[in-house]
Amino acid sequence: MRIVVNLDVMMAKRKMKLKNLAEAVGISETNLSLLKTGKVKGIRFNTLAMICEVLDCQPADILEFVGKEDV
């Protein structure tokens, strides 16, 4: 079981570059890149909310639960 980060998919759908999203959300490109590649252990709800607001999406569009049978 794990959580998969689909931020890159949503960014592509919205034609948004990492730099632009980082500026709009107010976090560094490095931290956003780490989140995009799934190399973080957590995310603050207010950061997730800002990302969703900028990308006009829901948290479930960015984060996906993958169960044992899906792996």
PDB file of N, CA and C in Angstrom:
ATOM      1  N   MET A   1       0.846  -1.180   0.000  1.00  0.00           N
ATOM      2  CA  MET A   1       0.000   0.000   0.000  1.00  0.00           C
ATOM      3  C   MET A   1       0.887   1.237   0.000  1.00  0.00           C
ATOM      4  N   ARG A   2       0.507   2.193  -0.817  1.00  0.00           N
ATOM      5  CA  ARG A   2       1.255   3.435  -0.861  1.00  0.00           C
ATOM      6  C   ARG A   2       0.416   4.542  -1.479  1.00  0.00           C
ATOM      7  N   ILE A   3       0.902   5.757  -1.333  1.00  0.00           N
ATOM      8  CA  ILE A   3       0.269   6.917  -1.932  1.00  0.00           C
ATOM      9  C   ILE A   3       1.113   7.342  -3.130  1.00  0.00           C
ATOM     10  N   VAL A   4       0.484   7.494  -4.281  1.00  0.00           N
ATOM     11  CA  VAL A   4       1.165   7.915  -5.499  1.00  0.00           C
ATOM     12  C   VAL A   4       0.824   9.388  -5.742  1.00  0.00           C
ATOM     13  N   VAL A   5       1.826  10.178  -6.063  1.00  0.00           N
ATOM     14  CA  VAL A   5       1.635  11.599  -6.343  1.00  0.00           C
ATOM     15  C   VAL A   5       1.524  11.797  -7.855  1.00  0.00           C
ATOM     16  N   ASN A   6       0.389  12.326  -8.288  1.00  0.00           N
ATOM     17  CA  ASN A   6       0.133  12.561  -9.707  1.00  0.00           C
ATOM     18  C   ASN A   6       0.174  14.052 -10.040  1.00  0.00           C
ATOM     19  N   LEU A   7       1.001  14.795  -9.333  1.00  0.00           N
ATOM     20  CA  LEU A   7       1.086  16.236  -9.554  1.00  0.00           C
ATOM     21  C   LEU A   7       1.545  16.555 -10.968  1.00  0.00           C
ATOM     22  N   ASP A   8       2.467  15.787 -11.489  1.00  0.00           N
ATOM     23  CA  ASP A   8       2.963  16.035 -12.847  1.00  0.00           C
ATOM     24  C   ASP A   8       1.853  15.889 -13.887  1.00  0.00           C
ATOM     25  N   VAL A   9       0.937  14.966 -13.651  1.00  0.00           N
ATOM     26  CA  VAL A   9      -0.192  14.753 -14.568  1.00  0.00           C
ATOM     27  C   VAL A   9      -1.100  15.987 -14.566  1.00  0.00           C
ATOM     28  N   MET A  10      -1.417  16.492 -13.367  1.00  0.00           N
ATOM     29  CA  MET A  10      -2.296  17.659 -13.275  1.00  0.00           C
ATOM     30  C   MET A  10      -1.618  18.895 -13.848  1.00  0.00           C
ATOM     31  N   MET A  11      -0.325  19.032 -13.628  1.00  0.00           N
ATOM     32  CA  MET A  11       0.408  20.172 -14.183  1.00  0.00           C
ATOM     33  C   MET A  11       0.382  20.116 -15.713  1.00  0.00           C
ATOM     34  N   ALA A  12       0.541  18.933 -16.268  1.00  0.00           N
ATOM     35  CA  ALA A  12       0.503  18.779 -17.727  1.00  0.00           C
ATOM     36  C   ALA A  12      -0.888  19.104 -18.266  1.00  0.00           C
ATOM     37  N   LYS A  13      -1.933  18.649 -17.582  1.00  0.00           N
ATOM     38  CA  LYS A  13      -3.305  18.927 -18.021  1.00  0.00           C
ATOM     39  C   LYS A  13      -3.592  20.415 -18.021  1.00  0.00           C
ATOM     40  N   ARG A  14      -3.005  21.137 -17.056  1.00  0.00           N
ATOM     41  CA  ARG A  14      -3.233  22.578 -16.928  1.00  0.00           C
ATOM     42  C   ARG A  14      -2.169  23.402 -17.665  1.00  0.00           C
ATOM     43  N   LYS A  15      -1.228  22.675 -18.306  1.00  0.00           N
ATOM     44  CA  LYS A  15      -0.132  23.334 -19.036  1.00  0.00           C
ATOM     45  C   LYS A  15       0.606  24.326 -18.145  1.00  0.00           C
ATOM     46  N   MET A  16       0.915  23.877 -16.925  1.00  0.00           N
ATOM     47  CA  MET A  16       1.596  24.720 -15.953  1.00  0.00           C
ATOM     48  C   MET A  16       3.003  24.191 -15.720  1.00  0.00           C
ATOM     49  N   LYS A  17       3.960  25.075 -15.730  1.00  0.00           N
ATOM     50  CA  LYS A  17       5.349  24.704 -15.479  1.00  0.00           C
ATOM     51  C   LYS A  17       5.624  24.737 -13.988  1.00  0.00           C
ATOM     52  N   LEU A  18       6.622  23.974 -13.576  1.00  0.00           N
ATOM     53  CA  LEU A  18       6.999  23.872 -12.166  1.00  0.00           C
ATOM     54  C   LEU A  18       7.281  25.252 -11.576  1.00  0.00           C
ATOM     55  N   LYS A  19       8.019  26.055 -12.288  1.00  0.00           N
ATOM     56  CA  LYS A  19       8.384  27.388 -11.798  1.00  0.00           C
ATOM     57  C   LYS A  19       7.150  28.239 -11.537  1.00  0.00           C
ATOM     58  N   ASN A  20       6.198  28.227 -12.464  1.00  0.00           N
ATOM     59  CA  ASN A  20       4.978  29.026 -12.319  1.00  0.00           C
ATOM     60  C   ASN A  20       4.133  28.557 -11.142  1.00  0.00           C
ATOM     61  N   LEU A  21       4.005  27.240 -10.991  1.00  0.00           N
ATOM     62  CA  LEU A  21       3.224  26.695  -9.885  1.00  0.00           C
ATOM     63  C   LEU A  21       3.890  27.018  -8.552  1.00  0.00           C
ATOM     64  N   ALA A  22       5.195  26.882  -8.478  1.00  0.00           N
ATOM     65  CA  ALA A  22       5.931  27.177  -7.246  1.00  0.00           C
ATOM     66  C   ALA A  22       5.723  28.634  -6.839  1.00  0.00           C
ATOM     67  N   GLU A  23       5.799  29.545  -7.803  1.00  0.00           N
ATOM     68  CA  GLU A  23       5.591  30.961  -7.519  1.00  0.00           C
ATOM     69  C   GLU A  23       4.171  31.227  -7.047  1.00  0.00           C
ATOM     70  N   ALA A  24       3.188  30.611  -7.711  1.00  0.00           N
ATOM     71  CA  ALA A  24       1.783  30.830  -7.360  1.00  0.00           C
ATOM     72  C   ALA A  24       1.445  30.279  -5.982  1.00  0.00           C
ATOM     73  N   VAL A  25       2.062  29.152  -5.622  1.00  0.00           N
ATOM     74  CA  VAL A  25       1.778  28.509  -4.336  1.00  0.00           C
ATOM     75  C   VAL A  25       2.606  29.134  -3.212  1.00  0.00           C
ATOM     76  N   GLY A  26       3.785  29.636  -3.575  1.00  0.00           N
ATOM     77  CA  GLY A  26       4.645  30.252  -2.572  1.00  0.00           C
ATOM     78  C   GLY A  26       5.604  29.277  -1.912  1.00  0.00           C
ATOM     79  N   ILE A  27       6.020  28.244  -2.647  1.00  0.00           N
ATOM     80  CA  ILE A  27       7.036  27.321  -2.138  1.00  0.00           C
ATOM     81  C   ILE A  27       8.167  27.255  -3.164  1.00  0.00           C
ATOM     82  N   SER A  28       9.289  26.719  -2.721  1.00  0.00           N
ATOM     83  CA  SER A  28      10.446  26.668  -3.617  1.00  0.00           C
ATOM     84  C   SER A  28      10.231  25.628  -4.719  1.00  0.00           C
ATOM     85  N   GLU A  29      10.904  25.851  -5.826  1.00  0.00           N
ATOM     86  CA  GLU A  29      10.842  24.881  -6.925  1.00  0.00           C
ATOM     87  C   GLU A  29      11.397  23.536  -6.471  1.00  0.00           C
ATOM     88  N   THR A  30      12.426  23.577  -5.627  1.00  0.00           N
ATOM     89  CA  THR A  30      13.031  22.340  -5.123  1.00  0.00           C
ATOM     90  C   THR A  30      12.024  21.523  -4.336  1.00  0.00           C
ATOM     91  N   ASN A  31      11.304  22.165  -3.413  1.00  0.00           N
ATOM     92  CA  ASN A  31      10.316  21.439  -2.611  1.00  0.00           C
ATOM     93  C   ASN A  31       9.166  20.926  -3.474  1.00  0.00           C
ATOM     94  N   LEU A  32       8.747  21.727  -4.432  1.00  0.00           N
ATOM     95  CA  LEU A  32       7.672  21.287  -5.323  1.00  0.00           C
ATOM     96  C   LEU A  32       8.132  20.121  -6.190  1.00  0.00           C
ATOM     97  N   SER A  33       9.377  20.163  -6.635  1.00  0.00           N
ATOM     98  CA  SER A  33       9.933  19.067  -7.432  1.00  0.00           C
ATOM     99  C   SER A  33       9.997  17.781  -6.610  1.00  0.00           C
ATOM    100  N   LEU A  34      10.397  17.897  -5.354  1.00  0.00           N
ATOM    101  CA  LEU A  34      10.432  16.716  -4.476  1.00  0.00           C
ATOM    102  C   LEU A  34       9.038  16.135  -4.299  1.00  0.00           C
ATOM    103  N   LEU A  35       8.042  17.002  -4.152  1.00  0.00           N
ATOM    104  CA  LEU A  35       6.662  16.541  -4.031  1.00  0.00           C
ATOM    105  C   LEU A  35       6.222  15.869  -5.323  1.00  0.00           C
ATOM    106  N   LYS A  36       6.527  16.485  -6.446  1.00  0.00           N
ATOM    107  CA  LYS A  36       6.119  15.953  -7.758  1.00  0.00           C
ATOM    108  C   LYS A  36       6.685  14.558  -8.011  1.00  0.00           C
ATOM    109  N   THR A  37       7.902  14.321  -7.549  1.00  0.00           N
ATOM    110  CA  THR A  37       8.532  13.020  -7.767  1.00  0.00           C
ATOM    111  C   THR A  37       8.220  12.014  -6.662  1.00  0.00           C
ATOM    112  N   GLY A  38       7.425  12.426  -5.671  1.00  0.00           N
ATOM    113  CA  GLY A  38       7.026  11.516  -4.603  1.00  0.00           C
ATOM    114  C   GLY A  38       8.115  11.247  -3.579  1.00  0.00           C
ATOM    115  N   LYS A  39       9.083  12.133  -3.476  1.00  0.00           N
ATOM    116  CA  LYS A  39      10.204  11.923  -2.556  1.00  0.00           C
ATOM    117  C   LYS A  39      10.016  12.605  -1.211  1.00  0.00           C
ATOM    118  N   VAL A  40       8.789  12.964  -0.870  1.00  0.00           N
ATOM    119  CA  VAL A  40       8.496  13.571   0.421  1.00  0.00           C
ATOM    120  C   VAL A  40       7.647  12.608   1.245  1.00  0.00           C
ATOM    121  N   LYS A  41       7.690  12.780   2.549  1.00  0.00           N
ATOM    122  CA  LYS A  41       6.917  11.910   3.432  1.00  0.00           C
ATOM    123  C   LYS A  41       5.593  12.528   3.838  1.00  0.00           C
ATOM    124  N   GLY A  42       5.411  13.797   3.528  1.00  0.00           N
ATOM    125  CA  GLY A  42       4.176  14.464   3.915  1.00  0.00           C
ATOM    126  C   GLY A  42       4.024  15.792   3.214  1.00  0.00           C
ATOM    127  N   ILE A  43       2.828  16.352   3.333  1.00  0.00           N
ATOM    128  CA  ILE A  43       2.521  17.661   2.764  1.00  0.00           C
ATOM    129  C   ILE A  43       1.555  18.353   3.709  1.00  0.00           C
ATOM    130  N   ARG A  44       1.758  19.628   3.912  1.00  0.00           N
ATOM    131  CA  ARG A  44       0.845  20.396   4.759  1.00  0.00           C
ATOM    132  C   ARG A  44      -0.472  20.593   4.009  1.00  0.00           C
ATOM    133  N   PHE A  45      -1.558  20.537   4.758  1.00  0.00           N
ATOM    134  CA  PHE A  45      -2.869  20.698   4.139  1.00  0.00           C
ATOM    135  C   PHE A  45      -3.005  22.055   3.460  1.00  0.00           C
ATOM    136  N   ASN A  46      -2.439  23.115   4.053  1.00  0.00           N
ATOM    137  CA  ASN A  46      -2.576  24.430   3.417  1.00  0.00           C
ATOM    138  C   ASN A  46      -1.793  24.493   2.103  1.00  0.00           C
ATOM    139  N   THR A  47      -0.666  23.778   2.008  1.00  0.00           N
ATOM    140  CA  THR A  47       0.084  23.705   0.755  1.00  0.00           C
ATOM    141  C   THR A  47      -0.712  22.936  -0.288  1.00  0.00           C
ATOM    142  N   LEU A  48      -1.289  21.817   0.113  1.00  0.00           N
ATOM    143  CA  LEU A  48      -2.123  21.021  -0.791  1.00  0.00           C
ATOM    144  C   LEU A  48      -3.321  21.843  -1.266  1.00  0.00           C
ATOM    145  N   ALA A  49      -3.922  22.599  -0.355  1.00  0.00           N
ATOM    146  CA  ALA A  49      -5.072  23.434  -0.714  1.00  0.00           C
ATOM    147  C   ALA A  49      -4.680  24.503  -1.731  1.00  0.00           C
ATOM    148  N   MET A  50      -3.520  25.121  -1.558  1.00  0.00           N
ATOM    149  CA  MET A  50      -3.058  26.136  -2.499  1.00  0.00           C
ATOM    150  C   MET A  50      -2.779  25.525  -3.875  1.00  0.00           C
ATOM    151  N   ILE A  51      -2.160  24.355  -3.895  1.00  0.00           N
ATOM    152  CA  ILE A  51      -1.897  23.670  -5.168  1.00  0.00           C
ATOM    153  C   ILE A  51      -3.217  23.370  -5.877  1.00  0.00           C
ATOM    154  N   CYS A  52      -4.186  22.862  -5.122  1.00  0.00           N
ATOM    155  CA  CYS A  52      -5.492  22.550  -5.710  1.00  0.00           C
ATOM    156  C   CYS A  52      -6.187  23.806  -6.223  1.00  0.00           C
ATOM    157  N   GLU A  53      -6.055  24.896  -5.489  1.00  0.00           N
ATOM    158  CA  GLU A  53      -6.681  26.153  -5.921  1.00  0.00           C
ATOM    159  C   GLU A  53      -6.058  26.643  -7.228  1.00  0.00           C
ATOM    160  N   VAL A  54      -4.729  26.634  -7.288  1.00  0.00           N
ATOM    161  CA  VAL A  54      -4.040  27.114  -8.487  1.00  0.00           C
ATOM    162  C   VAL A  54      -4.318  26.213  -9.686  1.00  0.00           C
ATOM    163  N   LEU A  55      -4.329  24.887  -9.469  1.00  0.00           N
ATOM    164  CA  LEU A  55      -4.551  23.942 -10.565  1.00  0.00           C
ATOM    165  C   LEU A  55      -6.034  23.668 -10.825  1.00  0.00           C
ATOM    166  N   ASP A  56      -6.909  24.246  -9.991  1.00  0.00           N
ATOM    167  CA  ASP A  56      -8.354  24.044 -10.109  1.00  0.00           C
ATOM    168  C   ASP A  56      -8.682  22.555 -10.136  1.00  0.00           C
ATOM    169  N   CYS A  57      -8.293  21.865  -9.060  1.00  0.00           N
ATOM    170  CA  CYS A  57      -8.522  20.423  -8.965  1.00  0.00           C
ATOM    171  C   CYS A  57      -8.821  20.038  -7.524  1.00  0.00           C
ATOM    172  N   GLN A  58      -9.042  18.777  -7.305  1.00  0.00           N
ATOM    173  CA  GLN A  58      -9.291  18.224  -5.974  1.00  0.00           C
ATOM    174  C   GLN A  58      -8.043  17.474  -5.504  1.00  0.00           C
ATOM    175  N   PRO A  59      -7.870  17.309  -4.178  1.00  0.00           N
ATOM    176  CA  PRO A  59      -6.726  16.551  -3.673  1.00  0.00           C
ATOM    177  C   PRO A  59      -6.617  15.150  -4.282  1.00  0.00           C
ATOM    178  N   ALA A  60      -7.741  14.528  -4.558  1.00  0.00           N
ATOM    179  CA  ALA A  60      -7.733  13.181  -5.148  1.00  0.00           C
ATOM    180  C   ALA A  60      -7.197  13.176  -6.571  1.00  0.00           C
ATOM    181  N   ASP A  61      -7.161  14.336  -7.211  1.00  0.00           N
ATOM    182  CA  ASP A  61      -6.566  14.424  -8.544  1.00  0.00           C
ATOM    183  C   ASP A  61      -5.046  14.380  -8.466  1.00  0.00           C
ATOM    184  N   ILE A  62      -4.508  14.703  -7.293  1.00  0.00           N
ATOM    185  CA  ILE A  62      -3.062  14.771  -7.095  1.00  0.00           C
ATOM    186  C   ILE A  62      -2.528  13.561  -6.339  1.00  0.00           C
ATOM    187  N   LEU A  63      -3.282  13.103  -5.336  1.00  0.00           N
ATOM    188  CA  LEU A  63      -2.852  11.982  -4.496  1.00  0.00           C
ATOM    189  C   LEU A  63      -3.737  10.770  -4.748  1.00  0.00           C
ATOM    190  N   GLU A  64      -3.113   9.620  -4.933  1.00  0.00           N
ATOM    191  CA  GLU A  64      -3.852   8.381  -5.230  1.00  0.00           C
ATOM    192  C   GLU A  64      -3.363   7.264  -4.320  1.00  0.00           C
ATOM    193  N   PHE A  65      -4.308   6.573  -3.687  1.00  0.00           N
ATOM    194  CA  PHE A  65      -3.983   5.423  -2.852  1.00  0.00           C
ATOM    195  C   PHE A  65      -3.901   4.184  -3.727  1.00  0.00           C
ATOM    196  N   VAL A  66      -2.802   3.450  -3.611  1.00  0.00           N
ATOM    197  CA  VAL A  66      -2.629   2.207  -4.354  1.00  0.00           C
ATOM    198  C   VAL A  66      -2.576   1.075  -3.339  1.00  0.00           C
ATOM    199  N   GLY A  67      -3.557   0.178  -3.389  1.00  0.00           N
ATOM    200  CA  GLY A  67      -3.625  -0.937  -2.462  1.00  0.00           C
ATOM    201  C   GLY A  67      -2.707  -2.089  -2.860  1.00  0.00           C
ATOM    202  N   LYS A  68      -2.667  -3.089  -2.014  1.00  0.00           N
ATOM    203  CA  LYS A  68      -1.802  -4.258  -2.259  1.00  0.00           C
ATOM    204  C   LYS A  68      -2.116  -4.944  -3.576  1.00  0.00           C
ATOM    205  N   GLU A  69      -3.386  -5.073  -3.902  1.00  0.00           N
ATOM    206  CA  GLU A  69      -3.759  -5.789  -5.125  1.00  0.00           C
ATOM    207  C   GLU A  69      -3.480  -4.968  -6.383  1.00  0.00           C
ATOM    208  N   ASP A  70      -3.277  -3.653  -6.240  1.00  0.00           N
ATOM    209  CA  ASP A  70      -2.983  -2.801  -7.401  1.00  0.00           C
ATOM    210  C   ASP A  70      -1.494  -2.726  -7.712  1.00  0.00           C
ATOM    211  N   VAL A  71      -0.658  -3.195  -6.806  1.00  0.00           N
ATOM    212  CA  VAL A  71       0.802  -3.096  -6.993  1.00  0.00           C
ATOM    213  C   VAL A  71       1.319  -4.217  -7.847  1.00  0.00           C
TER     214      VAL A  71
END
